[in-house]
N, C-alpha and C. Protein backbone atom coordinates (compact mmCIF):
# COMPACT_ATOMS: atom_id res chain seq x y z
N UNK A 1 -66.24 -26.90 97.45
CA UNK A 1 -64.87 -27.25 97.72
C UNK A 1 -64.31 -26.26 98.73
N UNK A 2 -63.54 -26.78 99.65
CA UNK A 2 -62.87 -25.93 100.62
C UNK A 2 -61.38 -26.15 100.44
N UNK A 3 -60.65 -25.06 100.34
CA UNK A 3 -59.20 -25.14 100.27
C UNK A 3 -58.68 -24.18 101.32
N UNK A 4 -57.75 -24.67 102.11
CA UNK A 4 -57.20 -23.83 103.18
C UNK A 4 -55.68 -23.83 103.09
N UNK A 5 -55.08 -22.76 103.57
CA UNK A 5 -53.63 -22.66 103.59
C UNK A 5 -53.22 -21.94 104.87
N UNK A 6 -52.26 -22.50 105.57
CA UNK A 6 -51.69 -21.84 106.74
C UNK A 6 -50.33 -22.48 107.02
N UNK A 7 -49.57 -21.85 107.85
CA UNK A 7 -48.27 -22.39 108.25
C UNK A 7 -48.42 -22.95 109.66
N UNK A 8 -48.13 -24.23 109.79
CA UNK A 8 -48.20 -24.91 111.08
C UNK A 8 -46.84 -25.53 111.32
N UNK A 9 -46.30 -25.30 112.47
CA UNK A 9 -44.94 -25.76 112.75
C UNK A 9 -44.92 -27.18 113.30
N UNK A 10 -45.53 -28.09 112.55
CA UNK A 10 -45.51 -29.53 112.84
C UNK A 10 -45.43 -30.26 111.52
N UNK A 11 -45.11 -31.52 111.58
CA UNK A 11 -45.01 -32.30 110.34
C UNK A 11 -46.39 -32.50 109.74
N UNK A 12 -46.43 -32.76 108.44
CA UNK A 12 -47.69 -33.01 107.75
C UNK A 12 -48.35 -34.26 108.33
N UNK A 13 -47.57 -35.24 108.74
CA UNK A 13 -48.12 -36.46 109.32
C UNK A 13 -48.80 -36.18 110.66
N UNK A 14 -48.21 -35.32 111.49
CA UNK A 14 -48.81 -34.96 112.77
C UNK A 14 -50.13 -34.23 112.58
N UNK A 15 -50.15 -33.27 111.68
CA UNK A 15 -51.37 -32.51 111.41
C UNK A 15 -52.45 -33.44 110.86
N UNK A 16 -52.07 -34.30 109.93
CA UNK A 16 -53.02 -35.25 109.36
C UNK A 16 -53.62 -36.13 110.45
N UNK A 17 -52.79 -36.66 111.33
CA UNK A 17 -53.28 -37.52 112.41
C UNK A 17 -54.24 -36.78 113.32
N UNK A 18 -53.94 -35.53 113.64
CA UNK A 18 -54.82 -34.74 114.51
C UNK A 18 -56.18 -34.46 113.87
N UNK A 19 -56.23 -34.41 112.57
CA UNK A 19 -57.49 -34.19 111.85
C UNK A 19 -58.20 -35.52 111.60
N UNK A 20 -57.47 -36.55 111.20
CA UNK A 20 -58.07 -37.79 110.72
C UNK A 20 -58.45 -38.78 111.82
N UNK A 21 -57.75 -38.79 112.92
CA UNK A 21 -58.01 -39.75 113.98
C UNK A 21 -59.21 -39.29 114.82
N UNK A 22 -60.27 -40.09 114.86
CA UNK A 22 -61.50 -39.69 115.56
C UNK A 22 -61.28 -39.39 117.04
N UNK A 23 -60.50 -40.19 117.73
CA UNK A 23 -60.27 -39.98 119.16
C UNK A 23 -59.49 -38.70 119.41
N UNK A 24 -58.43 -38.51 118.66
CA UNK A 24 -57.63 -37.28 118.83
C UNK A 24 -58.45 -36.07 118.43
N UNK A 25 -59.18 -36.16 117.32
CA UNK A 25 -59.98 -35.02 116.85
C UNK A 25 -61.01 -34.59 117.89
N UNK A 26 -61.68 -35.55 118.53
CA UNK A 26 -62.68 -35.21 119.55
C UNK A 26 -62.05 -34.54 120.77
N UNK A 27 -60.76 -34.78 121.01
CA UNK A 27 -60.12 -34.19 122.18
C UNK A 27 -59.87 -32.69 122.03
N UNK A 28 -59.78 -32.20 120.79
CA UNK A 28 -59.51 -30.76 120.60
C UNK A 28 -60.60 -30.04 119.83
N UNK A 29 -61.40 -30.73 119.04
CA UNK A 29 -62.43 -30.08 118.23
C UNK A 29 -63.77 -30.24 118.95
N UNK A 30 -64.20 -29.21 119.64
CA UNK A 30 -65.36 -29.28 120.52
C UNK A 30 -66.70 -29.09 119.81
N UNK A 31 -66.71 -28.97 118.49
CA UNK A 31 -67.96 -28.81 117.75
C UNK A 31 -68.71 -30.14 117.61
N UNK A 32 -68.00 -31.26 117.74
CA UNK A 32 -68.62 -32.57 117.54
C UNK A 32 -69.41 -33.00 118.76
N UNK A 33 -70.61 -33.56 118.48
CA UNK A 33 -71.40 -34.20 119.51
C UNK A 33 -71.07 -35.69 119.51
N UNK A 34 -70.92 -36.25 118.31
CA UNK A 34 -70.56 -37.65 118.12
C UNK A 34 -69.66 -37.73 116.88
N UNK A 35 -68.67 -38.60 116.92
CA UNK A 35 -67.74 -38.75 115.80
C UNK A 35 -67.21 -40.17 115.84
N UNK A 36 -67.50 -40.95 114.79
CA UNK A 36 -67.03 -42.34 114.81
C UNK A 36 -66.81 -42.86 113.40
N UNK A 37 -66.02 -43.91 113.33
CA UNK A 37 -65.78 -44.61 112.08
C UNK A 37 -66.82 -45.72 111.96
N UNK A 38 -67.55 -45.72 110.85
CA UNK A 38 -68.60 -46.70 110.60
C UNK A 38 -68.03 -47.92 109.88
N UNK A 39 -67.13 -47.68 108.93
CA UNK A 39 -66.53 -48.75 108.13
C UNK A 39 -65.15 -48.32 107.69
N UNK A 40 -64.23 -49.28 107.59
CA UNK A 40 -62.89 -49.00 107.07
C UNK A 40 -62.57 -49.98 105.96
N UNK A 41 -62.00 -49.47 104.87
CA UNK A 41 -61.51 -50.30 103.78
C UNK A 41 -60.03 -50.07 103.62
N UNK A 42 -59.44 -50.66 102.60
CA UNK A 42 -58.00 -50.50 102.36
C UNK A 42 -57.64 -49.05 102.04
N UNK A 43 -58.54 -48.34 101.35
CA UNK A 43 -58.20 -46.98 100.92
C UNK A 43 -59.29 -45.96 101.25
N UNK A 44 -60.15 -46.27 102.23
CA UNK A 44 -61.21 -45.33 102.60
C UNK A 44 -61.72 -45.60 104.01
N UNK A 45 -62.44 -44.62 104.55
CA UNK A 45 -63.18 -44.78 105.79
C UNK A 45 -64.56 -44.18 105.56
N UNK A 46 -65.55 -44.73 106.23
CA UNK A 46 -66.88 -44.12 106.28
C UNK A 46 -67.01 -43.54 107.68
N UNK A 47 -67.25 -42.24 107.73
CA UNK A 47 -67.32 -41.53 109.00
C UNK A 47 -68.73 -41.03 109.26
N UNK A 48 -69.12 -41.09 110.52
CA UNK A 48 -70.38 -40.47 110.94
C UNK A 48 -70.04 -39.45 112.01
N UNK A 49 -70.60 -38.28 111.89
CA UNK A 49 -70.47 -37.32 112.98
C UNK A 49 -71.66 -36.39 113.02
N UNK A 50 -71.95 -35.97 114.24
CA UNK A 50 -73.00 -34.97 114.44
C UNK A 50 -72.35 -33.79 115.15
N UNK A 51 -72.93 -32.63 114.92
CA UNK A 51 -72.36 -31.42 115.51
C UNK A 51 -73.36 -30.80 116.47
N UNK A 52 -72.82 -30.12 117.45
CA UNK A 52 -73.65 -29.40 118.41
C UNK A 52 -74.23 -28.17 117.72
N UNK A 53 -75.47 -27.88 118.01
CA UNK A 53 -76.13 -26.71 117.41
C UNK A 53 -76.69 -25.83 118.52
N UNK A 54 -76.83 -24.54 118.25
CA UNK A 54 -77.40 -23.65 119.25
C UNK A 54 -78.88 -23.97 119.50
N UNK A 55 -79.40 -23.52 120.60
CA UNK A 55 -80.80 -23.70 120.94
C UNK A 55 -81.68 -23.20 119.80
N UNK A 56 -82.67 -23.99 119.44
CA UNK A 56 -83.59 -23.61 118.39
C UNK A 56 -83.19 -24.04 116.99
N UNK A 57 -81.98 -24.58 116.84
CA UNK A 57 -81.49 -25.05 115.54
C UNK A 57 -81.49 -26.58 115.57
N UNK A 58 -82.08 -27.19 114.56
CA UNK A 58 -82.14 -28.65 114.49
C UNK A 58 -80.73 -29.22 114.36
N UNK A 59 -80.48 -30.28 115.14
CA UNK A 59 -79.18 -30.95 115.12
C UNK A 59 -78.83 -31.40 113.70
N UNK A 60 -77.55 -31.33 113.33
CA UNK A 60 -77.05 -31.74 112.02
C UNK A 60 -76.12 -32.93 112.19
N UNK A 61 -76.17 -33.83 111.19
CA UNK A 61 -75.19 -34.91 111.17
C UNK A 61 -74.69 -35.11 109.75
N UNK A 62 -73.59 -35.84 109.64
CA UNK A 62 -72.91 -36.07 108.36
C UNK A 62 -72.55 -37.55 108.28
N UNK A 63 -72.66 -38.10 107.09
CA UNK A 63 -72.17 -39.45 106.83
C UNK A 63 -71.33 -39.33 105.57
N UNK A 64 -70.03 -39.57 105.71
CA UNK A 64 -69.11 -39.29 104.61
C UNK A 64 -68.15 -40.45 104.38
N UNK A 65 -67.76 -40.57 103.12
CA UNK A 65 -66.68 -41.47 102.73
C UNK A 65 -65.44 -40.60 102.58
N UNK A 66 -64.38 -40.98 103.29
CA UNK A 66 -63.14 -40.19 103.26
C UNK A 66 -62.03 -41.00 102.63
N UNK A 67 -61.31 -40.36 101.72
CA UNK A 67 -60.11 -40.94 101.16
C UNK A 67 -59.00 -39.90 101.29
N UNK A 68 -57.78 -40.36 101.20
CA UNK A 68 -56.65 -39.41 101.21
C UNK A 68 -55.55 -39.95 100.31
N UNK A 69 -54.77 -39.00 99.80
CA UNK A 69 -53.65 -39.33 98.93
C UNK A 69 -52.40 -38.66 99.50
N UNK A 70 -51.40 -39.46 99.79
CA UNK A 70 -50.14 -38.94 100.32
C UNK A 70 -49.30 -38.35 99.19
N UNK A 71 -48.56 -37.30 99.51
CA UNK A 71 -47.65 -36.65 98.56
C UNK A 71 -48.35 -36.17 97.29
N UNK A 72 -49.59 -35.68 97.45
CA UNK A 72 -50.32 -35.13 96.30
C UNK A 72 -50.98 -33.84 96.72
N UNK A 73 -50.87 -32.80 95.98
CA UNK A 73 -50.33 -32.68 94.63
C UNK A 73 -48.82 -32.49 94.59
N UNK A 74 -48.22 -32.41 95.76
CA UNK A 74 -46.76 -32.27 95.78
C UNK A 74 -46.21 -33.06 96.96
N UNK A 75 -44.91 -33.30 96.96
CA UNK A 75 -44.26 -34.04 98.04
C UNK A 75 -44.52 -33.34 99.37
N UNK A 76 -44.68 -34.14 100.42
CA UNK A 76 -44.93 -33.65 101.78
C UNK A 76 -46.27 -32.92 101.91
N UNK A 77 -47.25 -33.33 101.14
CA UNK A 77 -48.60 -32.82 101.31
C UNK A 77 -49.56 -34.01 101.32
N UNK A 78 -50.75 -33.78 101.83
CA UNK A 78 -51.77 -34.82 101.86
C UNK A 78 -53.07 -34.20 101.38
N UNK A 79 -53.71 -34.83 100.41
CA UNK A 79 -55.01 -34.38 99.94
C UNK A 79 -56.06 -35.31 100.52
N UNK A 80 -57.07 -34.71 101.16
CA UNK A 80 -58.19 -35.48 101.72
C UNK A 80 -59.44 -35.16 100.90
N UNK A 81 -60.25 -36.18 100.64
CA UNK A 81 -61.49 -35.99 99.89
C UNK A 81 -62.63 -36.61 100.69
N UNK A 82 -63.69 -35.84 100.89
CA UNK A 82 -64.88 -36.30 101.60
C UNK A 82 -66.07 -36.19 100.65
N UNK A 83 -66.94 -37.19 100.68
CA UNK A 83 -68.18 -37.11 99.91
C UNK A 83 -69.29 -37.76 100.73
N UNK A 84 -70.47 -37.18 100.68
CA UNK A 84 -71.62 -37.74 101.40
C UNK A 84 -72.06 -39.05 100.76
N UNK A 85 -72.48 -39.97 101.60
CA UNK A 85 -72.96 -41.26 101.11
C UNK A 85 -74.16 -41.70 101.96
N UNK A 86 -74.76 -42.81 101.55
CA UNK A 86 -75.74 -43.51 102.37
C UNK A 86 -75.09 -44.82 102.81
N UNK A 87 -75.44 -45.29 104.00
CA UNK A 87 -74.86 -46.53 104.51
C UNK A 87 -75.91 -47.22 105.38
N UNK A 88 -76.09 -48.53 105.22
CA UNK A 88 -77.13 -49.22 105.98
C UNK A 88 -76.92 -49.20 107.50
N UNK A 89 -75.68 -49.03 107.95
CA UNK A 89 -75.44 -48.98 109.40
C UNK A 89 -75.77 -47.63 110.02
N UNK A 90 -75.96 -46.60 109.19
CA UNK A 90 -76.24 -45.27 109.72
C UNK A 90 -77.36 -44.59 108.93
N UNK A 91 -78.59 -45.10 109.08
CA UNK A 91 -79.71 -44.45 108.38
C UNK A 91 -79.95 -43.05 108.94
N UNK A 92 -80.71 -42.25 108.20
CA UNK A 92 -81.06 -40.91 108.65
C UNK A 92 -81.84 -41.03 109.96
N UNK A 93 -81.53 -40.17 110.92
CA UNK A 93 -82.17 -40.21 112.24
C UNK A 93 -83.33 -39.23 112.29
N UNK A 94 -84.32 -39.57 113.07
CA UNK A 94 -85.44 -38.66 113.28
C UNK A 94 -84.97 -37.42 114.00
N UNK A 95 -85.52 -36.28 113.62
CA UNK A 95 -85.26 -34.99 114.26
C UNK A 95 -83.81 -34.53 114.09
N UNK A 96 -83.14 -35.05 113.07
CA UNK A 96 -81.77 -34.64 112.76
C UNK A 96 -81.72 -34.38 111.25
N UNK A 97 -81.10 -33.27 110.86
CA UNK A 97 -80.95 -32.94 109.44
C UNK A 97 -79.64 -33.56 108.96
N UNK A 98 -79.71 -34.41 107.94
CA UNK A 98 -78.52 -35.02 107.37
C UNK A 98 -77.93 -34.02 106.38
N UNK A 99 -76.76 -33.50 106.70
CA UNK A 99 -76.09 -32.53 105.84
C UNK A 99 -75.44 -33.23 104.65
N UNK A 100 -75.32 -32.54 103.56
CA UNK A 100 -74.71 -33.06 102.35
C UNK A 100 -73.39 -32.34 102.11
N UNK A 101 -72.34 -33.11 101.90
CA UNK A 101 -71.04 -32.54 101.63
C UNK A 101 -70.82 -32.46 100.14
C-alpha cells in the first residue's frame, strides 16, 4: 500500500484529472513508455502501461484495474485503488516483466 500526503494548491478534481487521465498524465509524467485504457466500465478502468528502464534492465509493464471513490474517506478527497489483473486484450509480452501491484 502506498499512502502519500502533500499540499497542492489546486482543487482535488484538478489533481485527480492530472493523475487519472492517460493523455494528460503522459504529458507530464515522463516515466511512461506506453499508457492506455484497455477497457472502461461504469465504475472502473483497466489500464495498461509500460515504463522506461535504464540500459541493462528488462522493460516492465503493468495491467491494472482502477477504481476510485469520491469524497472518501472524507469530503473533498478521492481514494483510488489499483489491483493487478489479467485481461485477454493485453497478454504478457515477450521480453517484458509484468509487474504485480
